[in-house]
Each structure stands twice: as structure tokens, then as C-alpha cells.
Amino acid sequence: MEKILFALSIFVFFGVLSLLFNQNSIKANFKYILNWIFGFLVLVIFDLFMEAIVFEALSWNGTNKNDWFFILWWLLVSFWFLYGISGLYFGKK
């Protein structure tokens, strides 16, 4: 859970930071920001589903068998983060 809160705090911090540098485009980028945050929430829900249901059914919680999933999940979160920050910085709409 602390990993998810850490990732969420990084998203919020850099999102606010990029908006502060580009004050006049807050309204223009509002839909983009909502979609970016919604995508992150989808990633979090998928992670919670895998941990609570799939890994529990396979008895993979607390083992090294699910490490591949977390590596791929963090890569996907990192790519989503970079996509969102670059879109906010360069003003995608």
C-alpha cells in the first residue's frame, strides 16, 4: 500500500509542479490531467485486483513468483508518468 501512495504522491507533485510553470493552461489541460489521473487509478485498481484475487488464488503472495508482475507494473507506471508529465510540459490537449 505504501508503494501505491508513494507513486500517487509523485504523480500529484509533478503534476502540480508542471502546472505551476504553465499557469495559463490549467483550464486547457484540465481534461488531459483528469485522463492522466484516471489512467493511474486504473493501474492501481489492476494492481490491487492482481494482489487480492489472482495472487491469492495462486498462493503467490509473499513469494518470489510474482516479481515479474511488479517489474512490469512499475515499468508501465513509469511510462504512464513520463507520458503525462511530457504532455503537461509540452501542452498536449
PDB file of N, CA and C in Angstrom:
ATOM      1  N   MET A   1       0.812  -1.191   0.000  1.00  0.00           N
ATOM      2  CA  MET A   1       0.000   0.000   0.000  1.00  0.00           C
ATOM      3  C   MET A   1       0.862   1.264   0.000  1.00  0.00           C
ATOM      4  N   GLU A   2       1.984   1.201   0.707  1.00  0.00           N
ATOM      5  CA  GLU A   2       2.846   2.383   0.752  1.00  0.00           C
ATOM      6  C   GLU A   2       3.479   2.670  -0.607  1.00  0.00           C
ATOM      7  N   LYS A   3       3.665   1.639  -1.422  1.00  0.00           N
ATOM      8  CA  LYS A   3       4.197   1.859  -2.768  1.00  0.00           C
ATOM      9  C   LYS A   3       3.195   2.631  -3.615  1.00  0.00           C
ATOM     10  N   ILE A   4       1.927   2.290  -3.478  1.00  0.00           N
ATOM     11  CA  ILE A   4       0.881   2.954  -4.244  1.00  0.00           C
ATOM     12  C   ILE A   4       0.755   4.408  -3.811  1.00  0.00           C
ATOM     13  N   LEU A   5       0.791   4.660  -2.509  1.00  0.00           N
ATOM     14  CA  LEU A   5       0.713   6.030  -2.015  1.00  0.00           C
ATOM     15  C   LEU A   5       1.919   6.843  -2.447  1.00  0.00           C
ATOM     16  N   PHE A   6       3.089   6.214  -2.472  1.00  0.00           N
ATOM     17  CA  PHE A   6       4.286   6.901  -2.940  1.00  0.00           C
ATOM     18  C   PHE A   6       4.152   7.276  -4.413  1.00  0.00           C
ATOM     19  N   ALA A   7       3.697   6.332  -5.235  1.00  0.00           N
ATOM     20  CA  ALA A   7       3.528   6.607  -6.660  1.00  0.00           C
ATOM     21  C   ALA A   7       2.481   7.702  -6.879  1.00  0.00           C
ATOM     22  N   LEU A   8       1.397   7.654  -6.131  1.00  0.00           N
ATOM     23  CA  LEU A   8       0.360   8.678  -6.251  1.00  0.00           C
ATOM     24  C   LEU A   8       0.891  10.039  -5.850  1.00  0.00           C
ATOM     25  N   SER A   9       1.684  10.097  -4.800  1.00  0.00           N
ATOM     26  CA  SER A   9       2.239  11.378  -4.373  1.00  0.00           C
ATOM     27  C   SER A   9       3.210  11.937  -5.413  1.00  0.00           C
ATOM     28  N   ILE A  10       3.973  11.072  -6.063  1.00  0.00           N
ATOM     29  CA  ILE A  10       4.873  11.530  -7.126  1.00  0.00           C
ATOM     30  C   ILE A  10       4.060  12.093  -8.290  1.00  0.00           C
ATOM     31  N   PHE A  11       2.973  11.415  -8.661  1.00  0.00           N
ATOM     32  CA  PHE A  11       2.119  11.902  -9.736  1.00  0.00           C
ATOM     33  C   PHE A  11       1.568  13.278  -9.392  1.00  0.00           C
ATOM     34  N   VAL A  12       1.040  13.420  -8.196  1.00  0.00           N
ATOM     35  CA  VAL A  12       0.435  14.694  -7.805  1.00  0.00           C
ATOM     36  C   VAL A  12       1.490  15.793  -7.738  1.00  0.00           C
ATOM     37  N   PHE A  13       2.641  15.508  -7.153  1.00  0.00           N
ATOM     38  CA  PHE A  13       3.696  16.506  -7.013  1.00  0.00           C
ATOM     39  C   PHE A  13       4.138  17.054  -8.359  1.00  0.00           C
ATOM     40  N   PHE A  14       4.477  16.167  -9.285  1.00  0.00           N
ATOM     41  CA  PHE A  14       4.962  16.626 -10.572  1.00  0.00           C
ATOM     42  C   PHE A  14       3.847  17.221 -11.428  1.00  0.00           C
ATOM     43  N   GLY A  15       2.634  16.752 -11.240  1.00  0.00           N
ATOM     44  CA  GLY A  15       1.512  17.361 -11.944  1.00  0.00           C
ATOM     45  C   GLY A  15       1.300  18.806 -11.512  1.00  0.00           C
ATOM     46  N   VAL A  16       1.333  19.042 -10.207  1.00  0.00           N
ATOM     47  CA  VAL A  16       1.186  20.400  -9.690  1.00  0.00           C
ATOM     48  C   VAL A  16       2.379  21.255 -10.091  1.00  0.00           C
ATOM     49  N   LEU A  17       3.567  20.689 -10.028  1.00  0.00           N
ATOM     50  CA  LEU A  17       4.773  21.422 -10.404  1.00  0.00           C
ATOM     51  C   LEU A  17       4.727  21.868 -11.860  1.00  0.00           C
ATOM     52  N   SER A  18       4.303  20.995 -12.750  1.00  0.00           N
ATOM     53  CA  SER A  18       4.231  21.373 -14.166  1.00  0.00           C
ATOM     54  C   SER A  18       3.136  22.400 -14.402  1.00  0.00           C
ATOM     55  N   LEU A  19       2.056  22.337 -13.632  1.00  0.00           N
ATOM     56  CA  LEU A  19       1.013  23.340 -13.775  1.00  0.00           C
ATOM     57  C   LEU A  19       1.455  24.703 -13.270  1.00  0.00           C
ATOM     58  N   LEU A  20       2.278  24.712 -12.239  1.00  0.00           N
ATOM     59  CA  LEU A  20       2.775  25.978 -11.722  1.00  0.00           C
ATOM     60  C   LEU A  20       3.653  26.688 -12.747  1.00  0.00           C
ATOM     61  N   PHE A  21       4.396  25.932 -13.514  1.00  0.00           N
ATOM     62  CA  PHE A  21       5.228  26.529 -14.546  1.00  0.00           C
ATOM     63  C   PHE A  21       4.412  26.996 -15.746  1.00  0.00           C
ATOM     64  N   ASN A  22       3.209  26.478 -15.876  1.00  0.00           N
ATOM     65  CA  ASN A  22       2.372  26.798 -17.029  1.00  0.00           C
ATOM     66  C   ASN A  22       0.982  27.202 -16.540  1.00  0.00           C
ATOM     67  N   GLN A  23       0.882  28.274 -15.780  1.00  0.00           N
ATOM     68  CA  GLN A  23      -0.353  28.707 -15.133  1.00  0.00           C
ATOM     69  C   GLN A  23      -1.496  28.965 -16.114  1.00  0.00           C
ATOM     70  N   ASN A  24      -1.228  29.540 -17.270  1.00  0.00           N
ATOM     71  CA  ASN A  24      -2.302  29.934 -18.173  1.00  0.00           C
ATOM     72  C   ASN A  24      -2.958  28.764 -18.885  1.00  0.00           C
ATOM     73  N   SER A  25      -2.430  27.579 -18.761  1.00  0.00           N
ATOM     74  CA  SER A  25      -3.019  26.447 -19.482  1.00  0.00           C
ATOM     75  C   SER A  25      -3.708  25.452 -18.554  1.00  0.00           C
ATOM     76  N   ILE A  26      -4.032  25.869 -17.342  1.00  0.00           N
ATOM     77  CA  ILE A  26      -4.695  24.948 -16.416  1.00  0.00           C
ATOM     78  C   ILE A  26      -6.051  24.531 -16.964  1.00  0.00           C
ATOM     79  N   LYS A  27      -6.837  25.483 -17.421  1.00  0.00           N
ATOM     80  CA  LYS A  27      -8.152  25.151 -17.968  1.00  0.00           C
ATOM     81  C   LYS A  27      -8.032  24.349 -19.262  1.00  0.00           C
ATOM     82  N   ALA A  28      -7.053  24.677 -20.068  1.00  0.00           N
ATOM     83  CA  ALA A  28      -6.883  23.977 -21.339  1.00  0.00           C
ATOM     84  C   ALA A  28      -6.451  22.529 -21.132  1.00  0.00           C
ATOM     85  N   ASN A  29      -5.688  22.268 -20.085  1.00  0.00           N
ATOM     86  CA  ASN A  29      -5.176  20.919 -19.839  1.00  0.00           C
ATOM     87  C   ASN A  29      -5.992  20.137 -18.822  1.00  0.00           C
ATOM     88  N   PHE A  30      -7.113  20.670 -18.372  1.00  0.00           N
ATOM     89  CA  PHE A  30      -7.874  20.025 -17.304  1.00  0.00           C
ATOM     90  C   PHE A  30      -8.347  18.622 -17.701  1.00  0.00           C
ATOM     91  N   LYS A  31      -8.879  18.477 -18.900  1.00  0.00           N
ATOM     92  CA  LYS A  31      -9.346  17.164 -19.355  1.00  0.00           C
ATOM     93  C   LYS A  31      -8.179  16.182 -19.484  1.00  0.00           C
ATOM     94  N   TYR A  32      -7.057  16.674 -19.977  1.00  0.00           N
ATOM     95  CA  TYR A  32      -5.868  15.834 -20.102  1.00  0.00           C
ATOM     96  C   TYR A  32      -5.403  15.350 -18.736  1.00  0.00           C
ATOM     97  N   ILE A  33      -5.406  16.252 -17.749  1.00  0.00           N
ATOM     98  CA  ILE A  33      -4.981  15.894 -16.390  1.00  0.00           C
ATOM     99  C   ILE A  33      -5.924  14.865 -15.786  1.00  0.00           C
ATOM    100  N   LEU A  34      -7.229  15.054 -15.987  1.00  0.00           N
ATOM    101  CA  LEU A  34      -8.194  14.075 -15.467  1.00  0.00           C
ATOM    102  C   LEU A  34      -7.994  12.706 -16.100  1.00  0.00           C
ATOM    103  N   ASN A  35      -7.746  12.665 -17.398  1.00  0.00           N
ATOM    104  CA  ASN A  35      -7.493  11.385 -18.069  1.00  0.00           C
ATOM    105  C   ASN A  35      -6.207  10.744 -17.573  1.00  0.00           C
ATOM    106  N   TRP A  36      -5.202  11.565 -17.329  1.00  0.00           N
ATOM    107  CA  TRP A  36      -3.926  11.058 -16.827  1.00  0.00           C
ATOM    108  C   TRP A  36      -4.099  10.452 -15.438  1.00  0.00           C
ATOM    109  N   ILE A  37      -4.801  11.136 -14.558  1.00  0.00           N
ATOM    110  CA  ILE A  37      -5.037  10.624 -13.205  1.00  0.00           C
ATOM    111  C   ILE A  37      -5.936   9.393 -13.260  1.00  0.00           C
ATOM    112  N   PHE A  38      -6.953   9.408 -14.125  1.00  0.00           N
ATOM    113  CA  PHE A  38      -7.826   8.246 -14.271  1.00  0.00           C
ATOM    114  C   PHE A  38      -7.036   7.020 -14.732  1.00  0.00           C
ATOM    115  N   GLY A  39      -6.109   7.214 -15.654  1.00  0.00           N
ATOM    116  CA  GLY A  39      -5.260   6.103 -16.108  1.00  0.00           C
ATOM    117  C   GLY A  39      -4.418   5.545 -14.979  1.00  0.00           C
ATOM    118  N   PHE A  40      -3.906   6.434 -14.132  1.00  0.00           N
ATOM    119  CA  PHE A  40      -3.145   5.964 -12.982  1.00  0.00           C
ATOM    120  C   PHE A  40      -4.036   5.173 -12.020  1.00  0.00           C
ATOM    121  N   LEU A  41      -5.255   5.639 -11.798  1.00  0.00           N
ATOM    122  CA  LEU A  41      -6.173   4.913 -10.926  1.00  0.00           C
ATOM    123  C   LEU A  41      -6.529   3.542 -11.494  1.00  0.00           C
ATOM    124  N   VAL A  42      -6.637   3.449 -12.811  1.00  0.00           N
ATOM    125  CA  VAL A  42      -6.880   2.143 -13.449  1.00  0.00           C
ATOM    126  C   VAL A  42      -5.703   1.208 -13.185  1.00  0.00           C
ATOM    127  N   LEU A  43      -4.489   1.739 -13.267  1.00  0.00           N
ATOM    128  CA  LEU A  43      -3.313   0.918 -12.966  1.00  0.00           C
ATOM    129  C   LEU A  43      -3.309   0.448 -11.518  1.00  0.00           C
ATOM    130  N   VAL A  44      -3.701   1.313 -10.606  1.00  0.00           N
ATOM    131  CA  VAL A  44      -3.750   0.953  -9.185  1.00  0.00           C
ATOM    132  C   VAL A  44      -4.816  -0.107  -8.944  1.00  0.00           C
ATOM    133  N   ILE A  45      -5.985   0.057  -9.539  1.00  0.00           N
ATOM    134  CA  ILE A  45      -7.059  -0.932  -9.371  1.00  0.00           C
ATOM    135  C   ILE A  45      -6.637  -2.278  -9.935  1.00  0.00           C
ATOM    136  N   PHE A  46      -5.968  -2.265 -11.077  1.00  0.00           N
ATOM    137  CA  PHE A  46      -5.479  -3.520 -11.655  1.00  0.00           C
ATOM    138  C   PHE A  46      -4.475  -4.196 -10.719  1.00  0.00           C
ATOM    139  N   ASP A  47      -3.579  -3.409 -10.138  1.00  0.00           N
ATOM    140  CA  ASP A  47      -2.605  -3.959  -9.194  1.00  0.00           C
ATOM    141  C   ASP A  47      -3.295  -4.555  -7.971  1.00  0.00           C
ATOM    142  N   LEU A  48      -4.264  -3.853  -7.428  1.00  0.00           N
ATOM    143  CA  LEU A  48      -4.983  -4.368  -6.259  1.00  0.00           C
ATOM    144  C   LEU A  48      -5.762  -5.636  -6.590  1.00  0.00           C
ATOM    145  N   PHE A  49      -6.348  -5.694  -7.783  1.00  0.00           N
ATOM    146  CA  PHE A  49      -7.056  -6.900  -8.220  1.00  0.00           C
ATOM    147  C   PHE A  49      -6.100  -8.090  -8.306  1.00  0.00           C
ATOM    148  N   MET A  50      -4.949  -7.860  -8.912  1.00  0.00           N
ATOM    149  CA  MET A  50      -3.981  -8.951  -9.048  1.00  0.00           C
ATOM    150  C   MET A  50      -3.490  -9.424  -7.685  1.00  0.00           C
ATOM    151  N   GLU A  51      -3.206  -8.499  -6.780  1.00  0.00           N
ATOM    152  CA  GLU A  51      -2.705  -8.889  -5.466  1.00  0.00           C
ATOM    153  C   GLU A  51      -3.771  -9.566  -4.621  1.00  0.00           C
ATOM    154  N   ALA A  52      -4.988  -9.039  -4.656  1.00  0.00           N
ATOM    155  CA  ALA A  52      -6.039  -9.549  -3.761  1.00  0.00           C
ATOM    156  C   ALA A  52      -6.689 -10.828  -4.266  1.00  0.00           C
ATOM    157  N   ILE A  53      -6.811 -10.985  -5.572  1.00  0.00           N
ATOM    158  CA  ILE A  53      -7.569 -12.129  -6.081  1.00  0.00           C
ATOM    159  C   ILE A  53      -6.671 -13.138  -6.787  1.00  0.00           C
ATOM    160  N   VAL A  54      -5.937 -12.688  -7.783  1.00  0.00           N
ATOM    161  CA  VAL A  54      -5.179 -13.627  -8.611  1.00  0.00           C
ATOM    162  C   VAL A  54      -4.020 -14.244  -7.838  1.00  0.00           C
ATOM    163  N   PHE A  55      -3.192 -13.400  -7.221  1.00  0.00           N
ATOM    164  CA  PHE A  55      -2.034 -13.934  -6.491  1.00  0.00           C
ATOM    165  C   PHE A  55      -2.456 -14.718  -5.256  1.00  0.00           C
ATOM    166  N   GLU A  56      -3.564 -14.339  -4.657  1.00  0.00           N
ATOM    167  CA  GLU A  56      -4.067 -15.081  -3.502  1.00  0.00           C
ATOM    168  C   GLU A  56      -4.555 -16.467  -3.938  1.00  0.00           C
ATOM    169  N   ALA A  57      -5.227 -16.532  -5.094  1.00  0.00           N
ATOM    170  CA  ALA A  57      -5.718 -17.820  -5.596  1.00  0.00           C
ATOM    171  C   ALA A  57      -4.564 -18.737  -5.998  1.00  0.00           C
ATOM    172  N   LEU A  58      -3.481 -18.148  -6.504  1.00  0.00           N
ATOM    173  CA  LEU A  58      -2.326 -18.943  -6.906  1.00  0.00           C
ATOM    174  C   LEU A  58      -1.333 -19.174  -5.772  1.00  0.00           C
ATOM    175  N   SER A  59      -1.609 -18.609  -4.608  1.00  0.00           N
ATOM    176  CA  SER A  59      -0.716 -18.686  -3.435  1.00  0.00           C
ATOM    177  C   SER A  59       0.656 -18.088  -3.750  1.00  0.00           C
ATOM    178  N   TRP A  60       0.661 -16.971  -4.448  1.00  0.00           N
ATOM    179  CA  TRP A  60       1.902 -16.305  -4.811  1.00  0.00           C
ATOM    180  C   TRP A  60       2.241 -15.135  -3.894  1.00  0.00           C
ATOM    181  N   ASN A  61       1.341 -14.754  -3.003  1.00  0.00           N
ATOM    182  CA  ASN A  61       1.636 -13.651  -2.096  1.00  0.00           C
ATOM    183  C   ASN A  61       2.746 -14.059  -1.133  1.00  0.00           C
ATOM    184  N   GLY A  62       3.722 -13.182  -0.961  1.00  0.00           N
ATOM    185  CA  GLY A  62       4.846 -13.467  -0.072  1.00  0.00           C
ATOM    186  C   GLY A  62       5.914 -14.346  -0.691  1.00  0.00           C
ATOM    187  N   THR A  63       5.822 -14.601  -1.993  1.00  0.00           N
ATOM    188  CA  THR A  63       6.838 -15.420  -2.672  1.00  0.00           C
ATOM    189  C   THR A  63       7.509 -14.576  -3.758  1.00  0.00           C
ATOM    190  N   ASN A  64       8.499 -15.174  -4.397  1.00  0.00           N
ATOM    191  CA  ASN A  64       9.189 -14.503  -5.495  1.00  0.00           C
ATOM    192  C   ASN A  64       8.526 -14.754  -6.848  1.00  0.00           C
ATOM    193  N   LYS A  65       7.454 -15.522  -6.866  1.00  0.00           N
ATOM    194  CA  LYS A  65       6.817 -15.880  -8.127  1.00  0.00           C
ATOM    195  C   LYS A  65       6.109 -14.696  -8.787  1.00  0.00           C
ATOM    196  N   ASN A  66       5.768 -13.674  -8.012  1.00  0.00           N
ATOM    197  CA  ASN A  66       5.052 -12.540  -8.587  1.00  0.00           C
ATOM    198  C   ASN A  66       5.960 -11.346  -8.869  1.00  0.00           C
ATOM    199  N   ASP A  67       7.257 -11.510  -8.779  1.00  0.00           N
ATOM    200  CA  ASP A  67       8.183 -10.400  -9.024  1.00  0.00           C
ATOM    201  C   ASP A  67       8.106  -9.882 -10.448  1.00  0.00           C
ATOM    202  N   TRP A  68       7.912 -10.763 -11.405  1.00  0.00           N
ATOM    203  CA  TRP A  68       7.817 -10.349 -12.802  1.00  0.00           C
ATOM    204  C   TRP A  68       6.663  -9.373 -12.997  1.00  0.00           C
ATOM    205  N   PHE A  69       5.557  -9.626 -12.292  1.00  0.00           N
ATOM    206  CA  PHE A  69       4.397  -8.734 -12.422  1.00  0.00           C
ATOM    207  C   PHE A  69       4.721  -7.338 -11.902  1.00  0.00           C
ATOM    208  N   PHE A  70       5.382  -7.249 -10.768  1.00  0.00           N
ATOM    209  CA  PHE A  70       5.667  -5.944 -10.187  1.00  0.00           C
ATOM    210  C   PHE A  70       6.704  -5.173 -11.001  1.00  0.00           C
ATOM    211  N   ILE A  71       7.625  -5.874 -11.614  1.00  0.00           N
ATOM    212  CA  ILE A  71       8.581  -5.200 -12.506  1.00  0.00           C
ATOM    213  C   ILE A  71       7.836  -4.607 -13.701  1.00  0.00           C
ATOM    214  N   LEU A  72       6.972  -5.392 -14.318  1.00  0.00           N
ATOM    215  CA  LEU A  72       6.200  -4.894 -15.452  1.00  0.00           C
ATOM    216  C   LEU A  72       5.245  -3.782 -15.036  1.00  0.00           C
ATOM    217  N   TRP A  73       4.623  -3.916 -13.853  1.00  0.00           N
ATOM    218  CA  TRP A  73       3.680  -2.899 -13.383  1.00  0.00           C
ATOM    219  C   TRP A  73       4.390  -1.572 -13.142  1.00  0.00           C
ATOM    220  N   TRP A  74       5.553  -1.607 -12.495  1.00  0.00           N
ATOM    221  CA  TRP A  74       6.284  -0.365 -12.244  1.00  0.00           C
ATOM    222  C   TRP A  74       6.817   0.241 -13.539  1.00  0.00           C
ATOM    223  N   LEU A  75       7.189  -0.581 -14.509  1.00  0.00           N
ATOM    224  CA  LEU A  75       7.582  -0.040 -15.813  1.00  0.00           C
ATOM    225  C   LEU A  75       6.408   0.666 -16.480  1.00  0.00           C
ATOM    226  N   LEU A  76       5.243   0.059 -16.418  1.00  0.00           N
ATOM    227  CA  LEU A  76       4.049   0.663 -17.001  1.00  0.00           C
ATOM    228  C   LEU A  76       3.684   1.961 -16.282  1.00  0.00           C
ATOM    229  N   VAL A  77       3.772   1.971 -14.961  1.00  0.00           N
ATOM    230  CA  VAL A  77       3.506   3.187 -14.199  1.00  0.00           C
ATOM    231  C   VAL A  77       4.522   4.266 -14.557  1.00  0.00           C
ATOM    232  N   SER A  78       5.774   3.892 -14.725  1.00  0.00           N
ATOM    233  CA  SER A  78       6.813   4.860 -15.095  1.00  0.00           C
ATOM    234  C   SER A  78       6.556   5.453 -16.478  1.00  0.00           C
ATOM    235  N   PHE A  79       6.187   4.608 -17.437  1.00  0.00           N
ATOM    236  CA  PHE A  79       5.885   5.105 -18.774  1.00  0.00           C
ATOM    237  C   PHE A  79       4.658   6.019 -18.758  1.00  0.00           C
ATOM    238  N   TRP A  80       3.639   5.639 -17.983  1.00  0.00           N
ATOM    239  CA  TRP A  80       2.437   6.471 -17.877  1.00  0.00           C
ATOM    240  C   TRP A  80       2.771   7.822 -17.240  1.00  0.00           C
ATOM    241  N   PHE A  81       3.635   7.791 -16.242  1.00  0.00           N
ATOM    242  CA  PHE A  81       4.067   9.014 -15.581  1.00  0.00           C
ATOM    243  C   PHE A  81       4.817   9.920 -16.554  1.00  0.00           C
ATOM    244  N   LEU A  82       5.769   9.364 -17.278  1.00  0.00           N
ATOM    245  CA  LEU A  82       6.538  10.160 -18.238  1.00  0.00           C
ATOM    246  C   LEU A  82       5.660  10.690 -19.363  1.00  0.00           C
ATOM    247  N   TYR A  83       4.716   9.896 -19.813  1.00  0.00           N
ATOM    248  CA  TYR A  83       3.767  10.344 -20.834  1.00  0.00           C
ATOM    249  C   TYR A  83       2.960  11.539 -20.324  1.00  0.00           C
ATOM    250  N   GLY A  84       2.465  11.448 -19.100  1.00  0.00           N
ATOM    251  CA  GLY A  84       1.662  12.523 -18.549  1.00  0.00           C
ATOM    252  C   GLY A  84       2.450  13.791 -18.310  1.00  0.00           C
ATOM    253  N   ILE A  85       3.642  13.663 -17.759  1.00  0.00           N
ATOM    254  CA  ILE A  85       4.465  14.839 -17.492  1.00  0.00           C
ATOM    255  C   ILE A  85       4.887  15.512 -18.797  1.00  0.00           C
ATOM    256  N   SER A  86       5.262  14.716 -19.786  1.00  0.00           N
ATOM    257  CA  SER A  86       5.654  15.325 -21.070  1.00  0.00           C
ATOM    258  C   SER A  86       4.457  15.999 -21.728  1.00  0.00           C
ATOM    259  N   GLY A  87       3.277  15.408 -21.603  1.00  0.00           N
ATOM    260  CA  GLY A  87       2.096  16.034 -22.165  1.00  0.00           C
ATOM    261  C   GLY A  87       1.742  17.340 -21.473  1.00  0.00           C
ATOM    262  N   LEU A  88       1.905  17.385 -20.165  1.00  0.00           N
ATOM    263  CA  LEU A  88       1.648  18.632 -19.439  1.00  0.00           C
ATOM    264  C   LEU A  88       2.703  19.675 -19.753  1.00  0.00           C
ATOM    265  N   TYR A  89       3.937  19.240 -19.850  1.00  0.00           N
ATOM    266  CA  TYR A  89       5.030  20.186 -20.099  1.00  0.00           C
ATOM    267  C   TYR A  89       4.939  20.792 -21.498  1.00  0.00           C
ATOM    268  N   PHE A  90       4.658  19.948 -22.483  1.00  0.00           N
ATOM    269  CA  PHE A  90       4.604  20.433 -23.858  1.00  0.00           C
ATOM    270  C   PHE A  90       3.209  20.888 -24.278  1.00  0.00           C
ATOM    271  N   GLY A  91       2.238  20.775 -23.384  1.00  0.00           N
ATOM    272  CA  GLY A  91       0.910  21.331 -23.641  1.00  0.00           C
ATOM    273  C   GLY A  91       0.024  20.515 -24.547  1.00  0.00           C
ATOM    274  N   LYS A  92       0.087  19.201 -24.473  1.00  0.00           N
ATOM    275  CA  LYS A  92      -0.838  18.367 -25.250  1.00  0.00           C
ATOM    276  C   LYS A  92      -2.248  18.573 -24.713  1.00  0.00           C
ATOM    277  N   LYS A  93      -3.210  18.463 -25.611  1.00  0.00           N
ATOM    278  CA  LYS A  93      -4.614  18.619 -25.198  1.00  0.00           C
ATOM    279  C   LYS A  93      -5.436  17.499 -25.761  1.00  0.00           C
TER     280      LYS A  93
END
